[in-house]
């Protein structure tokens, strides 16, 4: 019959070894540490140690491959004045800002975004507008408004930096 210490030594991950070492008797602790080192060496190849195995390289998060458009447009065939924009190499930061800017437009009935998968670096922005506007017009207007707003923020920041640097 297995006792609590045996059960812990069989199922606890390596990262918990320091926090539960007081539970495992001293004789079993040495054996347990050797077994964990052996198992980790078998599971992770030498070239993969220190990085996630299935994760793509970091530059793939923001570098758009050649031949790929940054933004693509696809009209919805079932709903009038609705479309999906695919924005390559972006994440929640741009998706949320763009969605909130689209919500400020009175001609936009629905605006939302999603990331299809955590390892796919693209967002899908869905826009449904009234008959007075098209999704392309709403998208372009939102991008232009955000550009103006960020320019204003940048100039205010630079003015404040200049003011603070002149004081010192």
N, C-alpha and C. Protein backbone atom coordinates (compact mmCIF):
# COMPACT_ATOMS: atom_id res chain seq x y z
N UNK A 1 0.84 -1.19 0.00
CA UNK A 1 0.00 0.00 0.00
C UNK A 1 0.89 1.25 0.00
N UNK A 2 0.50 2.23 -0.82
CA UNK A 2 1.27 3.47 -0.92
C UNK A 2 0.87 4.44 0.18
N UNK A 3 1.86 5.10 0.75
CA UNK A 3 1.57 6.13 1.74
C UNK A 3 1.56 7.49 1.05
N UNK A 4 1.27 8.54 1.78
CA UNK A 4 1.19 9.89 1.23
C UNK A 4 2.51 10.31 0.59
N UNK A 5 3.62 9.99 1.20
CA UNK A 5 4.92 10.38 0.66
C UNK A 5 5.18 9.72 -0.70
N UNK A 6 4.80 8.42 -0.82
CA UNK A 6 4.99 7.73 -2.09
C UNK A 6 4.13 8.36 -3.18
N UNK A 7 2.90 8.69 -2.84
CA UNK A 7 1.99 9.29 -3.80
C UNK A 7 2.53 10.63 -4.27
N UNK A 8 3.03 11.45 -3.35
CA UNK A 8 3.59 12.74 -3.72
C UNK A 8 4.82 12.59 -4.60
N UNK A 9 5.66 11.61 -4.27
CA UNK A 9 6.88 11.45 -5.04
C UNK A 9 6.59 10.95 -6.45
N UNK A 10 5.45 10.31 -6.67
CA UNK A 10 5.11 9.83 -8.01
C UNK A 10 4.49 10.92 -8.88
N UNK A 11 3.73 11.83 -8.30
CA UNK A 11 2.91 12.73 -9.11
C UNK A 11 3.28 14.20 -9.08
N UNK A 12 4.11 14.65 -8.17
CA UNK A 12 4.42 16.07 -8.11
C UNK A 12 5.44 16.45 -9.17
N UNK A 13 5.25 17.58 -9.84
CA UNK A 13 6.23 18.04 -10.82
C UNK A 13 7.54 18.47 -10.17
N UNK A 14 8.55 18.62 -10.99
CA UNK A 14 9.88 18.98 -10.49
C UNK A 14 9.89 20.34 -9.81
N UNK A 15 9.15 21.30 -10.35
CA UNK A 15 9.21 22.65 -9.79
C UNK A 15 8.68 22.71 -8.36
N UNK A 16 7.97 21.68 -7.91
CA UNK A 16 7.45 21.67 -6.55
C UNK A 16 8.39 20.98 -5.57
N UNK A 17 9.51 20.47 -6.05
CA UNK A 17 10.37 19.66 -5.19
C UNK A 17 10.86 20.43 -3.97
N UNK A 18 11.17 21.72 -4.12
CA UNK A 18 11.66 22.50 -2.99
C UNK A 18 10.55 22.78 -1.99
N UNK A 19 9.33 22.99 -2.48
CA UNK A 19 8.25 23.35 -1.57
C UNK A 19 7.67 22.16 -0.82
N UNK A 20 7.85 20.96 -1.34
CA UNK A 20 7.30 19.79 -0.65
C UNK A 20 8.39 18.87 -0.13
N UNK A 21 9.62 19.31 -0.13
CA UNK A 21 10.71 18.42 0.29
C UNK A 21 10.58 18.00 1.75
N UNK A 22 9.90 18.79 2.56
CA UNK A 22 9.73 18.42 3.96
C UNK A 22 8.76 17.26 4.11
N UNK A 23 7.91 17.01 3.12
CA UNK A 23 6.94 15.92 3.21
C UNK A 23 7.59 14.60 2.87
N UNK A 24 8.53 14.59 1.94
CA UNK A 24 9.14 13.36 1.47
C UNK A 24 10.31 13.00 2.37
N UNK A 25 10.35 11.77 2.87
CA UNK A 25 11.47 11.35 3.72
C UNK A 25 12.80 11.51 2.99
N UNK A 26 13.87 11.68 3.77
CA UNK A 26 15.17 12.00 3.20
C UNK A 26 15.65 10.94 2.21
N UNK A 27 15.48 9.65 2.52
CA UNK A 27 15.96 8.58 1.64
C UNK A 27 15.25 8.63 0.29
N UNK A 28 13.95 8.91 0.32
CA UNK A 28 13.21 8.93 -0.94
C UNK A 28 13.46 10.22 -1.71
N UNK A 29 13.84 11.27 -1.01
CA UNK A 29 14.05 12.56 -1.67
C UNK A 29 15.20 12.48 -2.67
N UNK A 30 16.29 11.83 -2.33
CA UNK A 30 17.44 11.71 -3.23
C UNK A 30 17.05 10.89 -4.46
N UNK A 31 16.33 9.78 -4.23
CA UNK A 31 15.88 8.97 -5.35
C UNK A 31 14.92 9.75 -6.25
N UNK A 32 14.04 10.50 -5.63
CA UNK A 32 13.05 11.27 -6.39
C UNK A 32 13.73 12.33 -7.26
N UNK A 33 14.72 13.04 -6.71
CA UNK A 33 15.44 14.05 -7.47
C UNK A 33 16.19 13.43 -8.65
N UNK A 34 16.81 12.25 -8.44
CA UNK A 34 17.51 11.59 -9.54
C UNK A 34 16.53 11.19 -10.64
N UNK A 35 15.37 10.67 -10.25
CA UNK A 35 14.38 10.24 -11.23
C UNK A 35 13.84 11.43 -12.03
N UNK A 36 13.62 12.57 -11.36
CA UNK A 36 13.11 13.74 -12.07
C UNK A 36 14.14 14.28 -13.06
N UNK A 37 15.43 14.28 -12.67
CA UNK A 37 16.47 14.73 -13.60
C UNK A 37 16.55 13.81 -14.80
N UNK A 38 16.43 12.50 -14.58
CA UNK A 38 16.48 11.53 -15.67
C UNK A 38 15.29 11.73 -16.61
N UNK A 39 14.09 11.90 -16.07
CA UNK A 39 12.89 12.08 -16.89
C UNK A 39 12.95 13.38 -17.68
N UNK A 40 13.42 14.46 -17.08
CA UNK A 40 13.47 15.73 -17.80
C UNK A 40 14.49 15.66 -18.93
N UNK A 41 15.57 14.91 -18.76
CA UNK A 41 16.56 14.76 -19.82
C UNK A 41 15.99 13.96 -20.99
N UNK A 42 15.11 13.00 -20.69
CA UNK A 42 14.51 12.20 -21.75
C UNK A 42 13.43 12.97 -22.51
N UNK A 43 12.68 13.80 -21.83
CA UNK A 43 11.54 14.48 -22.45
C UNK A 43 11.95 15.65 -23.33
N UNK A 44 12.99 16.38 -22.98
CA UNK A 44 13.36 17.59 -23.71
C UNK A 44 14.71 17.37 -24.38
N UNK A 45 14.77 17.43 -25.71
CA UNK A 45 16.06 17.28 -26.39
C UNK A 45 17.03 18.39 -26.00
N UNK A 46 18.31 18.13 -26.17
CA UNK A 46 19.34 19.09 -25.78
C UNK A 46 19.18 20.42 -26.49
N UNK A 47 18.76 20.41 -27.76
CA UNK A 47 18.62 21.65 -28.52
C UNK A 47 17.41 22.46 -28.11
N UNK A 48 16.45 21.85 -27.43
CA UNK A 48 15.21 22.53 -27.08
C UNK A 48 15.20 23.03 -25.64
N UNK A 49 16.20 22.74 -24.85
CA UNK A 49 16.18 23.15 -23.45
C UNK A 49 16.22 24.66 -23.36
N UNK A 50 15.39 25.23 -22.48
CA UNK A 50 15.37 26.66 -22.25
C UNK A 50 14.37 27.42 -23.11
N UNK A 51 13.63 26.73 -23.99
CA UNK A 51 12.61 27.42 -24.78
C UNK A 51 11.45 26.47 -25.01
N UNK A 52 10.29 27.02 -25.26
CA UNK A 52 9.11 26.19 -25.48
C UNK A 52 9.28 25.42 -26.78
N UNK A 53 8.85 24.18 -26.78
CA UNK A 53 9.12 23.31 -27.93
C UNK A 53 8.30 23.69 -29.16
N UNK A 54 7.01 23.99 -29.01
CA UNK A 54 6.16 24.23 -30.16
C UNK A 54 6.06 25.70 -30.53
N UNK A 55 6.65 26.57 -29.76
CA UNK A 55 6.51 28.01 -30.01
C UNK A 55 7.38 28.43 -31.19
N UNK A 56 6.81 29.24 -32.10
CA UNK A 56 7.63 29.76 -33.20
C UNK A 56 8.66 30.77 -32.71
N UNK A 57 9.58 31.13 -33.57
CA UNK A 57 10.58 32.13 -33.21
C UNK A 57 9.90 33.46 -32.91
N UNK A 58 10.55 34.27 -32.06
CA UNK A 58 9.93 35.51 -31.61
C UNK A 58 9.71 36.53 -32.73
N UNK A 59 10.60 36.57 -33.70
CA UNK A 59 10.45 37.56 -34.77
C UNK A 59 9.18 37.31 -35.59
N UNK A 60 8.67 36.08 -35.58
CA UNK A 60 7.46 35.76 -36.35
C UNK A 60 6.23 36.45 -35.78
N UNK A 61 6.32 36.99 -34.59
CA UNK A 61 5.19 37.69 -33.99
C UNK A 61 4.92 39.04 -34.63
N UNK A 62 5.93 39.66 -35.24
CA UNK A 62 5.73 41.00 -35.76
C UNK A 62 6.25 41.23 -37.18
N UNK A 63 6.98 40.32 -37.76
CA UNK A 63 7.49 40.49 -39.12
C UNK A 63 6.50 39.83 -40.08
N UNK A 64 5.94 40.63 -40.98
CA UNK A 64 4.99 40.12 -41.96
C UNK A 64 5.78 39.43 -43.07
N UNK A 65 5.47 38.16 -43.37
CA UNK A 65 6.22 37.46 -44.43
C UNK A 65 6.02 38.11 -45.80
N UNK A 66 6.99 37.92 -46.67
CA UNK A 66 6.89 38.47 -48.02
C UNK A 66 5.71 37.82 -48.74
N UNK A 67 4.99 38.64 -49.50
CA UNK A 67 3.85 38.13 -50.25
C UNK A 67 2.56 38.10 -49.44
N UNK A 68 2.62 38.47 -48.16
CA UNK A 68 1.42 38.50 -47.31
C UNK A 68 1.03 39.95 -47.07
N UNK A 69 -0.26 40.24 -47.25
CA UNK A 69 -0.75 41.59 -46.98
C UNK A 69 -0.93 41.78 -45.49
N UNK A 70 -0.69 43.00 -45.04
CA UNK A 70 -0.87 43.32 -43.62
C UNK A 70 -2.35 43.23 -43.24
N UNK A 71 -3.22 43.73 -44.12
CA UNK A 71 -4.67 43.70 -43.86
C UNK A 71 -5.36 43.13 -45.09
N UNK A 72 -6.22 42.16 -44.86
CA UNK A 72 -7.04 41.63 -45.95
C UNK A 72 -8.51 41.79 -45.59
N UNK A 73 -9.34 41.86 -46.62
CA UNK A 73 -10.75 42.19 -46.47
C UNK A 73 -11.59 41.07 -47.08
N UNK A 74 -12.61 40.64 -46.34
CA UNK A 74 -13.50 39.61 -46.85
C UNK A 74 -14.94 39.99 -46.50
N UNK A 75 -15.76 40.21 -47.54
CA UNK A 75 -17.16 40.56 -47.32
C UNK A 75 -17.93 39.35 -46.84
N UNK A 76 -18.93 39.60 -46.00
CA UNK A 76 -19.80 38.54 -45.52
C UNK A 76 -20.89 38.30 -46.57
N UNK A 77 -21.12 37.05 -46.92
CA UNK A 77 -22.10 36.73 -47.94
C UNK A 77 -23.51 36.62 -47.39
N UNK A 78 -23.65 36.47 -46.08
CA UNK A 78 -24.97 36.27 -45.49
C UNK A 78 -25.59 37.54 -44.92
N UNK A 79 -24.76 38.48 -44.49
CA UNK A 79 -25.24 39.70 -43.86
C UNK A 79 -24.82 40.90 -44.70
N UNK A 80 -25.77 41.76 -44.98
CA UNK A 80 -25.47 42.96 -45.76
C UNK A 80 -24.68 43.94 -44.89
N UNK A 81 -23.73 44.63 -45.49
CA UNK A 81 -22.87 45.61 -44.80
C UNK A 81 -22.11 45.00 -43.63
N UNK A 82 -21.59 43.81 -43.83
CA UNK A 82 -20.75 43.16 -42.82
C UNK A 82 -19.50 42.62 -43.51
N UNK A 83 -18.40 42.66 -42.81
CA UNK A 83 -17.14 42.17 -43.37
C UNK A 83 -16.20 41.75 -42.24
N UNK A 84 -15.20 40.97 -42.63
CA UNK A 84 -14.15 40.56 -41.70
C UNK A 84 -12.81 41.02 -42.25
N UNK A 85 -12.05 41.71 -41.43
CA UNK A 85 -10.71 42.17 -41.78
C UNK A 85 -9.72 41.28 -41.04
N UNK A 86 -8.75 40.75 -41.74
CA UNK A 86 -7.69 39.97 -41.13
C UNK A 86 -6.45 40.85 -41.05
N UNK A 87 -5.99 41.12 -39.86
CA UNK A 87 -4.82 41.96 -39.65
C UNK A 87 -3.68 41.05 -39.19
N UNK A 88 -2.66 40.93 -40.03
CA UNK A 88 -1.53 40.04 -39.76
C UNK A 88 -0.57 40.65 -38.75
N UNK A 89 0.01 39.77 -37.93
CA UNK A 89 1.05 40.12 -36.96
C UNK A 89 0.61 41.16 -35.95
N UNK A 90 -0.61 41.06 -35.49
CA UNK A 90 -1.10 41.93 -34.42
C UNK A 90 -1.77 41.07 -33.36
N UNK A 91 -2.03 41.69 -32.19
CA UNK A 91 -2.61 40.94 -31.08
C UNK A 91 -3.70 41.76 -30.41
N UNK A 92 -3.96 41.45 -29.14
CA UNK A 92 -5.05 42.11 -28.40
C UNK A 92 -4.86 43.62 -28.30
N UNK A 93 -3.65 44.11 -28.32
CA UNK A 93 -3.42 45.55 -28.17
C UNK A 93 -4.12 46.32 -29.29
N UNK A 94 -3.81 45.99 -30.50
CA UNK A 94 -4.42 46.68 -31.64
C UNK A 94 -5.88 46.29 -31.78
N UNK A 95 -6.20 45.03 -31.53
CA UNK A 95 -7.59 44.58 -31.66
C UNK A 95 -8.54 45.34 -30.75
N UNK A 96 -8.15 45.51 -29.51
CA UNK A 96 -9.03 46.20 -28.55
C UNK A 96 -9.13 47.69 -28.87
N UNK A 97 -8.02 48.33 -29.21
CA UNK A 97 -8.05 49.76 -29.55
C UNK A 97 -8.93 50.01 -30.77
N UNK A 98 -8.76 49.17 -31.78
CA UNK A 98 -9.55 49.32 -33.01
C UNK A 98 -11.03 49.07 -32.75
N UNK A 99 -11.32 48.06 -31.97
CA UNK A 99 -12.72 47.76 -31.64
C UNK A 99 -13.38 48.92 -30.90
N UNK A 100 -12.68 49.50 -29.93
CA UNK A 100 -13.24 50.61 -29.18
C UNK A 100 -13.44 51.85 -30.06
N UNK A 101 -12.52 52.08 -30.99
CA UNK A 101 -12.68 53.21 -31.91
C UNK A 101 -13.85 52.97 -32.85
N UNK A 102 -14.05 51.77 -33.29
CA UNK A 102 -15.20 51.45 -34.14
C UNK A 102 -16.52 51.63 -33.39
N UNK A 103 -16.53 51.34 -32.10
CA UNK A 103 -17.75 51.52 -31.30
C UNK A 103 -18.13 52.99 -31.16
N UNK A 104 -17.19 53.90 -31.33
CA UNK A 104 -17.50 55.33 -31.26
C UNK A 104 -18.26 55.81 -32.49
N UNK A 105 -18.17 55.08 -33.59
CA UNK A 105 -18.84 55.44 -34.83
C UNK A 105 -20.33 55.07 -34.72
N UNK A 106 -21.21 56.04 -35.02
CA UNK A 106 -22.66 55.79 -34.91
C UNK A 106 -23.17 54.89 -36.02
N UNK A 107 -22.45 54.76 -37.12
CA UNK A 107 -22.88 53.89 -38.22
C UNK A 107 -22.49 52.43 -38.03
N UNK A 108 -21.71 52.14 -37.01
CA UNK A 108 -21.28 50.76 -36.76
C UNK A 108 -22.27 50.10 -35.81
N UNK A 109 -22.87 49.01 -36.28
CA UNK A 109 -23.81 48.24 -35.45
C UNK A 109 -23.08 47.22 -34.58
N UNK A 110 -22.03 46.62 -35.13
CA UNK A 110 -21.27 45.62 -34.39
C UNK A 110 -19.81 45.73 -34.77
N UNK A 111 -18.95 45.64 -33.79
CA UNK A 111 -17.50 45.59 -34.02
C UNK A 111 -16.91 44.67 -32.97
N UNK A 112 -16.17 43.70 -33.42
CA UNK A 112 -15.53 42.76 -32.51
C UNK A 112 -14.28 42.19 -33.16
N UNK A 113 -13.44 41.57 -32.35
CA UNK A 113 -12.23 40.95 -32.88
C UNK A 113 -11.98 39.67 -32.12
N UNK A 114 -11.17 38.81 -32.73
CA UNK A 114 -10.74 37.59 -32.05
C UNK A 114 -9.38 37.17 -32.57
N UNK A 115 -8.66 36.45 -31.74
CA UNK A 115 -7.43 35.81 -32.15
C UNK A 115 -7.77 34.35 -32.40
N UNK A 116 -7.59 33.86 -33.62
CA UNK A 116 -7.99 32.49 -33.91
C UNK A 116 -7.26 31.45 -33.07
N UNK A 117 -5.96 31.68 -32.81
CA UNK A 117 -5.16 30.73 -32.05
C UNK A 117 -3.97 31.48 -31.45
N UNK A 118 -3.53 31.12 -30.25
CA UNK A 118 -2.42 31.85 -29.63
C UNK A 118 -1.11 31.80 -30.42
N UNK A 119 -0.91 30.78 -31.24
CA UNK A 119 0.32 30.68 -32.02
C UNK A 119 0.17 31.26 -33.42
N UNK A 120 -1.02 31.73 -33.77
CA UNK A 120 -1.22 32.43 -35.04
C UNK A 120 -1.28 33.91 -34.72
N UNK A 121 -0.35 34.66 -35.25
CA UNK A 121 -0.24 36.07 -34.91
C UNK A 121 -1.06 36.92 -35.88
N UNK A 122 -2.36 36.83 -35.73
CA UNK A 122 -3.27 37.65 -36.53
C UNK A 122 -4.55 37.82 -35.75
N UNK A 123 -5.26 38.90 -36.08
CA UNK A 123 -6.57 39.12 -35.48
C UNK A 123 -7.60 39.22 -36.59
N UNK A 124 -8.80 38.80 -36.27
CA UNK A 124 -9.93 38.91 -37.19
C UNK A 124 -10.87 39.96 -36.61
N UNK A 125 -11.04 41.06 -37.35
CA UNK A 125 -11.91 42.16 -36.91
C UNK A 125 -13.19 42.07 -37.73
N UNK A 126 -14.30 41.93 -37.04
CA UNK A 126 -15.60 41.81 -37.71
C UNK A 126 -16.37 43.12 -37.51
N UNK A 127 -16.89 43.68 -38.62
CA UNK A 127 -17.59 44.96 -38.59
C UNK A 127 -18.92 44.81 -39.33
N UNK A 128 -19.98 45.27 -38.69
CA UNK A 128 -21.31 45.32 -39.31
C UNK A 128 -21.81 46.75 -39.19
N UNK A 129 -22.14 47.37 -40.33
CA UNK A 129 -22.53 48.78 -40.34
C UNK A 129 -23.97 48.95 -40.82
N UNK A 130 -24.46 50.18 -40.66
CA UNK A 130 -25.79 50.52 -41.18
C UNK A 130 -25.69 50.71 -42.70
N UNK A 131 -26.82 50.99 -43.32
CA UNK A 131 -26.83 51.15 -44.78
C UNK A 131 -26.18 52.46 -45.22
N UNK A 132 -25.98 53.42 -44.31
CA UNK A 132 -25.34 54.69 -44.67
C UNK A 132 -23.83 54.57 -44.83
N UNK A 133 -23.24 53.49 -44.38
CA UNK A 133 -21.79 53.33 -44.41
C UNK A 133 -21.44 51.90 -44.77
N UNK A 134 -20.21 51.71 -45.22
CA UNK A 134 -19.73 50.36 -45.51
C UNK A 134 -18.69 49.98 -44.45
N UNK A 135 -18.44 48.69 -44.26
CA UNK A 135 -17.39 48.29 -43.31
C UNK A 135 -16.01 48.85 -43.66
N UNK A 136 -15.72 48.95 -44.95
CA UNK A 136 -14.43 49.51 -45.38
C UNK A 136 -14.30 50.98 -44.98
N UNK A 137 -15.37 51.74 -45.14
CA UNK A 137 -15.35 53.16 -44.74
C UNK A 137 -15.18 53.28 -43.23
N UNK A 138 -15.90 52.45 -42.48
CA UNK A 138 -15.81 52.50 -41.01
C UNK A 138 -14.40 52.13 -40.55
N UNK A 139 -13.81 51.10 -41.17
CA UNK A 139 -12.46 50.68 -40.81
C UNK A 139 -11.45 51.79 -41.10
N UNK A 140 -11.52 52.36 -42.31
CA UNK A 140 -10.59 53.43 -42.67
C UNK A 140 -10.75 54.66 -41.78
N UNK A 141 -12.00 55.01 -41.46
CA UNK A 141 -12.25 56.15 -40.57
C UNK A 141 -11.67 55.89 -39.17
N UNK A 142 -11.85 54.68 -38.67
CA UNK A 142 -11.32 54.33 -37.35
C UNK A 142 -9.80 54.40 -37.34
N UNK A 143 -9.16 53.90 -38.38
CA UNK A 143 -7.70 53.95 -38.47
C UNK A 143 -7.22 55.39 -38.53
N UNK A 144 -7.88 56.22 -39.34
CA UNK A 144 -7.48 57.63 -39.45
C UNK A 144 -7.68 58.37 -38.13
N UNK A 145 -8.80 58.11 -37.44
CA UNK A 145 -9.04 58.74 -36.14
C UNK A 145 -8.00 58.33 -35.11
N UNK A 146 -7.65 57.04 -35.10
CA UNK A 146 -6.62 56.57 -34.17
C UNK A 146 -5.27 57.18 -34.49
N UNK A 147 -4.97 57.34 -35.77
CA UNK A 147 -3.71 57.97 -36.16
C UNK A 147 -3.64 59.41 -35.65
N UNK A 148 -4.72 60.16 -35.80
CA UNK A 148 -4.76 61.54 -35.30
C UNK A 148 -4.64 61.58 -33.78
N UNK A 149 -5.34 60.67 -33.12
CA UNK A 149 -5.31 60.64 -31.65
C UNK A 149 -3.91 60.30 -31.14
N UNK A 150 -3.24 59.36 -31.78
CA UNK A 150 -1.89 59.00 -31.36
C UNK A 150 -0.89 60.10 -31.68
N UNK A 151 -1.08 60.83 -32.77
CA UNK A 151 -0.22 61.98 -33.06
C UNK A 151 -0.38 63.06 -32.00
N UNK A 152 -1.60 63.29 -31.58
CA UNK A 152 -1.87 64.27 -30.53
C UNK A 152 -1.21 63.84 -29.21
N UNK A 153 -1.33 62.56 -28.89
CA UNK A 153 -0.71 62.04 -27.67
C UNK A 153 0.81 62.16 -27.74
N UNK A 154 1.38 61.85 -28.89
CA UNK A 154 2.83 61.95 -29.06
C UNK A 154 3.31 63.39 -28.90
N UNK A 155 2.61 64.32 -29.51
CA UNK A 155 3.03 65.73 -29.39
C UNK A 155 2.88 66.25 -27.97
N UNK A 156 1.83 65.84 -27.27
CA UNK A 156 1.67 66.24 -25.88
C UNK A 156 2.78 65.64 -25.00
N UNK A 157 3.15 64.40 -25.28
CA UNK A 157 4.23 63.75 -24.53
C UNK A 157 5.55 64.45 -24.78
N UNK A 158 5.85 64.75 -26.04
CA UNK A 158 7.11 65.42 -26.37
C UNK A 158 7.16 66.83 -25.78
N UNK A 159 6.01 67.53 -25.76
CA UNK A 159 5.98 68.86 -25.16
C UNK A 159 6.24 68.79 -23.66
N UNK A 160 5.70 67.79 -23.02
CA UNK A 160 5.92 67.63 -21.58
C UNK A 160 7.37 67.26 -21.28
N UNK A 161 7.96 66.42 -22.12
CA UNK A 161 9.37 66.07 -21.95
C UNK A 161 10.25 67.31 -22.12
N UNK A 162 9.93 68.13 -23.12
CA UNK A 162 10.69 69.36 -23.35
C UNK A 162 10.55 70.31 -22.17
N UNK A 163 9.33 70.42 -21.63
CA UNK A 163 9.11 71.29 -20.48
C UNK A 163 9.89 70.80 -19.26
N UNK A 164 9.86 69.51 -19.00
CA UNK A 164 10.58 68.97 -17.85
C UNK A 164 12.09 69.08 -18.02
N UNK A 165 12.59 68.88 -19.23
CA UNK A 165 14.03 68.96 -19.43
C UNK A 165 14.53 70.41 -19.32
N UNK A 166 13.68 71.37 -19.66
CA UNK A 166 14.09 72.77 -19.53
C UNK A 166 14.12 73.21 -18.07
N UNK A 167 13.30 72.58 -17.21
CA UNK A 167 13.31 72.92 -15.80
C UNK A 167 14.57 72.45 -15.10
N UNK A 168 15.17 71.37 -15.57
CA UNK A 168 16.36 70.83 -14.93
C UNK A 168 17.54 71.21 -15.70
